[in-house]
């Protein structure tokens, strides 16, 4: 248990260092997921560019407003300021479950215990409320699994279904004593251990 925890901390510290990237590496249509399963506790961190969430919400709003919607008709400028900050906070609170992005095997009996949603500055890698340039939405979820040995796959179909412009999800993690590193696309949404 202690070795697993130490390995998880080493793995997470590598993620933190890797996520302190420059704004030039902030790629729209690319999401990042970090997964750590230690005992019965499953921690998942899902990161996506803020523009991707806003585009999804604008698309959802426009579908209710009129029947015909042309993609590319509505563009989100992530540099336009704080005028939509209250709306963004509401959008984040609507993300109630990590299952909106990933499905786990039912046999693992994983139950979400906590979820946190925030917006982080990509360059400074800290929570932000103002317009500080490129930003990511960060969804952090803690789950407890009744049968952690049954956590053998992660299905990211829900994320690809949710976001039309999502091209790739990079997944990294430590599940028990096995490392996980994979790049998923619309054609291949499942990663297995």
Protein backbone atom coordinates (compact mmCIF):
# COMPACT_ATOMS: atom_id res chain seq x y z
CA UNK A 1 0.00 0.00 0.00
CA UNK A 2 2.77 2.41 0.95
CA UNK A 3 4.71 1.64 -2.27
CA UNK A 4 1.57 2.18 -4.35
CA UNK A 5 0.97 5.54 -2.66
CA UNK A 6 4.58 6.60 -3.28
CA UNK A 7 4.34 5.55 -6.93
CA UNK A 8 1.06 7.47 -7.26
CA UNK A 9 2.67 10.61 -5.81
CA UNK A 10 5.62 10.29 -8.19
CA UNK A 11 3.23 9.82 -11.10
CA UNK A 12 1.08 12.80 -10.08
CA UNK A 13 4.13 15.04 -9.64
CA UNK A 14 5.12 14.14 -13.20
CA UNK A 15 1.66 15.17 -14.38
CA UNK A 16 1.88 18.48 -12.53
CA UNK A 17 5.22 19.23 -14.15
CA UNK A 18 3.92 18.23 -17.59
CA UNK A 19 0.81 20.39 -17.19
CA UNK A 20 2.88 23.54 -16.61
CA UNK A 21 2.97 24.00 -20.33
CA UNK A 22 3.15 27.13 -22.39
CA UNK A 23 0.04 28.57 -24.00
CA UNK A 24 1.40 27.56 -27.41
CA UNK A 25 0.93 23.90 -26.41
CA UNK A 26 -2.70 24.52 -25.39
CA UNK A 27 -4.40 22.51 -28.13
CA UNK A 28 -8.12 22.75 -28.71
CA UNK A 29 -9.72 19.35 -29.34
CA UNK A 30 -7.19 17.61 -27.08
CA UNK A 31 -8.16 16.51 -23.57
CA UNK A 32 -5.97 15.09 -20.81
CA UNK A 33 -6.98 12.53 -18.18
CA UNK A 34 -5.03 11.38 -15.14
CA UNK A 35 -6.15 8.29 -13.26
CA UNK A 36 -4.90 6.77 -10.00
CA UNK A 37 -6.46 3.70 -8.37
CA UNK A 38 -5.07 2.94 -4.91
CA UNK A 39 -6.90 0.22 -3.03
CA UNK A 40 -10.59 1.04 -3.38
CA UNK A 41 -10.02 4.76 -4.06
CA UNK A 42 -10.13 5.93 -7.67
CA UNK A 43 -9.03 9.52 -8.43
CA UNK A 44 -9.70 10.95 -11.90
CA UNK A 45 -8.65 14.37 -13.21
CA UNK A 46 -10.12 15.39 -16.58
CA UNK A 47 -8.77 18.54 -18.30
CA UNK A 48 -10.15 20.26 -21.38
CA UNK A 49 -9.71 23.70 -22.97
CA UNK A 50 -12.35 26.16 -21.78
CA UNK A 51 -13.25 26.96 -25.40
CA UNK A 52 -14.39 23.35 -25.84
CA UNK A 53 -16.87 23.60 -22.95
CA UNK A 54 -18.15 26.97 -24.13
CA UNK A 55 -18.60 25.71 -27.69
CA UNK A 56 -20.58 22.73 -26.36
CA UNK A 57 -22.82 25.02 -24.29
CA UNK A 58 -23.36 27.45 -27.19
CA UNK A 59 -24.26 24.52 -29.46
CA UNK A 60 -26.69 23.17 -26.85
CA UNK A 61 -28.25 26.64 -26.43
CA UNK A 62 -28.54 27.21 -30.18
CA UNK A 63 -30.28 23.85 -30.70
CA UNK A 64 -33.00 25.00 -28.34
CA UNK A 65 -33.18 28.41 -30.01
CA UNK A 66 -33.60 27.26 -33.63
CA UNK A 67 -33.77 24.02 -35.59
CA UNK A 68 -30.96 24.59 -38.06
CA UNK A 69 -27.43 25.06 -36.75
CA UNK A 70 -24.32 25.36 -38.85
CA UNK A 71 -21.09 24.35 -37.15
CA UNK A 72 -18.54 27.14 -37.18
CA UNK A 73 -21.33 29.74 -37.17
CA UNK A 74 -20.70 30.52 -33.50
CA UNK A 75 -17.14 30.99 -32.39
CA UNK A 76 -16.01 31.38 -28.80
CA UNK A 77 -13.17 33.78 -28.09
CA UNK A 78 -11.54 32.69 -24.86
CA UNK A 79 -9.80 36.07 -24.61
CA UNK A 80 -12.91 38.28 -24.49
CA UNK A 81 -13.04 38.82 -20.72
CA UNK A 82 -15.23 38.05 -17.78
CA UNK A 83 -18.67 38.90 -19.14
CA UNK A 84 -19.67 35.21 -19.19
CA UNK A 85 -17.97 34.29 -15.90
CA UNK A 86 -21.25 33.77 -14.01
CA UNK A 87 -22.60 31.65 -16.86
CA UNK A 88 -19.39 29.59 -16.84
CA UNK A 89 -19.73 28.95 -13.11
CA UNK A 90 -23.26 27.64 -13.73
CA UNK A 91 -22.03 25.45 -16.60
CA UNK A 92 -19.34 23.94 -14.36
CA UNK A 93 -21.84 23.17 -11.59
CA UNK A 94 -23.98 21.30 -14.14
CA UNK A 95 -21.15 18.76 -14.48
CA UNK A 96 -22.35 16.53 -11.68
CA UNK A 97 -20.56 13.27 -12.47
CA UNK A 98 -17.36 12.06 -14.06
CA UNK A 99 -19.58 9.54 -15.85
CA UNK A 100 -20.48 12.40 -18.22
CA UNK A 101 -16.97 11.85 -19.64
CA UNK A 102 -16.01 8.23 -18.90
CA UNK A 103 -17.75 4.91 -18.22
CA UNK A 104 -16.30 2.32 -15.86
CA UNK A 105 -17.19 -1.39 -15.80
CA UNK A 106 -20.44 -1.87 -13.84
CA UNK A 107 -18.90 -4.91 -12.14
CA UNK A 108 -16.35 -2.63 -10.41
CA UNK A 109 -19.21 -1.00 -8.47
CA UNK A 110 -17.54 2.43 -8.38
CA UNK A 111 -19.49 5.20 -6.66
CA UNK A 112 -18.56 8.86 -6.97
CA UNK A 113 -17.93 10.43 -3.56
CA UNK A 114 -16.79 13.90 -4.60
CA UNK A 115 -16.44 16.07 -7.71
CA UNK A 116 -14.78 19.47 -8.05
CA UNK A 117 -14.89 21.71 -11.10
CA UNK A 118 -12.53 24.63 -11.65
CA UNK A 119 -10.93 26.82 -14.28
CA UNK A 120 -7.13 26.98 -14.32
CA UNK A 121 -4.71 29.23 -16.10
CA UNK A 122 -2.68 27.03 -18.45
CA UNK A 123 0.60 28.91 -18.05
CA UNK A 124 0.42 29.59 -14.31
CA UNK A 125 -1.32 26.27 -13.47
CA UNK A 126 -3.49 27.79 -10.78
CA UNK A 127 -7.16 28.47 -10.29
CA UNK A 128 -8.31 31.67 -11.94
CA UNK A 129 -11.42 33.80 -12.02
CA UNK A 130 -10.22 36.51 -14.37
CA UNK A 131 -9.19 36.66 -18.00
CA UNK A 132 -5.59 35.53 -17.83
CA UNK A 133 -5.27 34.07 -21.31
CA UNK A 134 -5.51 30.36 -22.13
CA UNK A 135 -7.55 28.43 -19.59
CA UNK A 136 -8.53 24.83 -18.97
CA UNK A 137 -11.56 23.37 -17.23
CA UNK A 138 -10.45 20.84 -14.63
CA UNK A 139 -12.84 18.18 -13.34
CA UNK A 140 -11.54 16.22 -10.33
CA UNK A 141 -13.52 13.21 -9.12
CA UNK A 142 -13.00 10.82 -6.23
CA UNK A 143 -14.71 7.44 -6.39
CA UNK A 144 -14.82 4.38 -4.17
CA UNK A 145 -14.87 1.03 -5.93
CA UNK A 146 -16.47 -2.04 -4.35
CA UNK A 147 -14.43 -4.34 -6.61
CA UNK A 148 -11.28 -2.45 -7.65
CA UNK A 149 -9.90 -5.57 -9.36
CA UNK A 150 -12.74 -5.18 -11.89
CA UNK A 151 -11.50 -1.72 -12.94
CA UNK A 152 -9.96 -3.08 -16.13
CA UNK A 153 -11.09 -0.53 -18.71
CA UNK A 154 -12.12 3.08 -19.20
CA UNK A 155 -14.64 3.97 -21.92
CA UNK A 156 -14.40 7.61 -23.03
CA UNK A 157 -17.31 7.35 -25.47
CA UNK A 158 -19.37 9.84 -23.42
CA UNK A 159 -16.71 12.55 -23.83
CA UNK A 160 -16.54 12.06 -27.59
CA UNK A 161 -20.36 12.09 -27.75
CA UNK A 162 -20.51 15.30 -25.70
CA UNK A 163 -17.94 17.33 -27.65
CA UNK A 164 -18.16 17.48 -31.45
CA UNK A 165 -14.70 19.05 -31.75
CA UNK A 166 -12.88 16.57 -29.48
CA UNK A 167 -10.20 14.83 -31.54
CA UNK A 168 -8.05 13.05 -28.95
CA UNK A 169 -7.87 12.18 -25.26
CA UNK A 170 -4.48 11.47 -23.71
CA UNK A 171 -4.84 9.12 -20.74
CA UNK A 172 -2.15 8.48 -18.15
CA UNK A 173 -2.40 6.75 -14.85
CA UNK A 174 -1.55 4.15 -12.30
CA UNK A 175 -4.17 1.47 -11.70
CA UNK A 176 -3.11 -0.75 -8.86
CA UNK A 177 0.43 -1.76 -9.79
CA UNK A 178 0.01 -1.20 -13.55
CA UNK A 179 0.78 1.98 -15.43
CA UNK A 180 -1.54 3.29 -18.11
CA UNK A 181 -0.65 5.52 -21.05
CA UNK A 182 -2.87 5.78 -24.11
CA UNK A 183 -4.14 8.16 -26.78
CA UNK A 184 -7.78 7.71 -27.70
CA UNK A 185 -9.72 8.96 -30.72
CA UNK A 186 -13.32 8.80 -31.96
CA UNK A 187 -12.44 5.52 -33.66
CA UNK A 188 -11.03 4.00 -30.44
CA UNK A 189 -12.72 5.24 -27.26
CA UNK A 190 -11.79 2.38 -24.89
CA UNK A 191 -8.53 1.84 -23.05
CA UNK A 192 -7.84 -1.35 -21.12
CA UNK A 193 -5.33 -2.45 -18.56
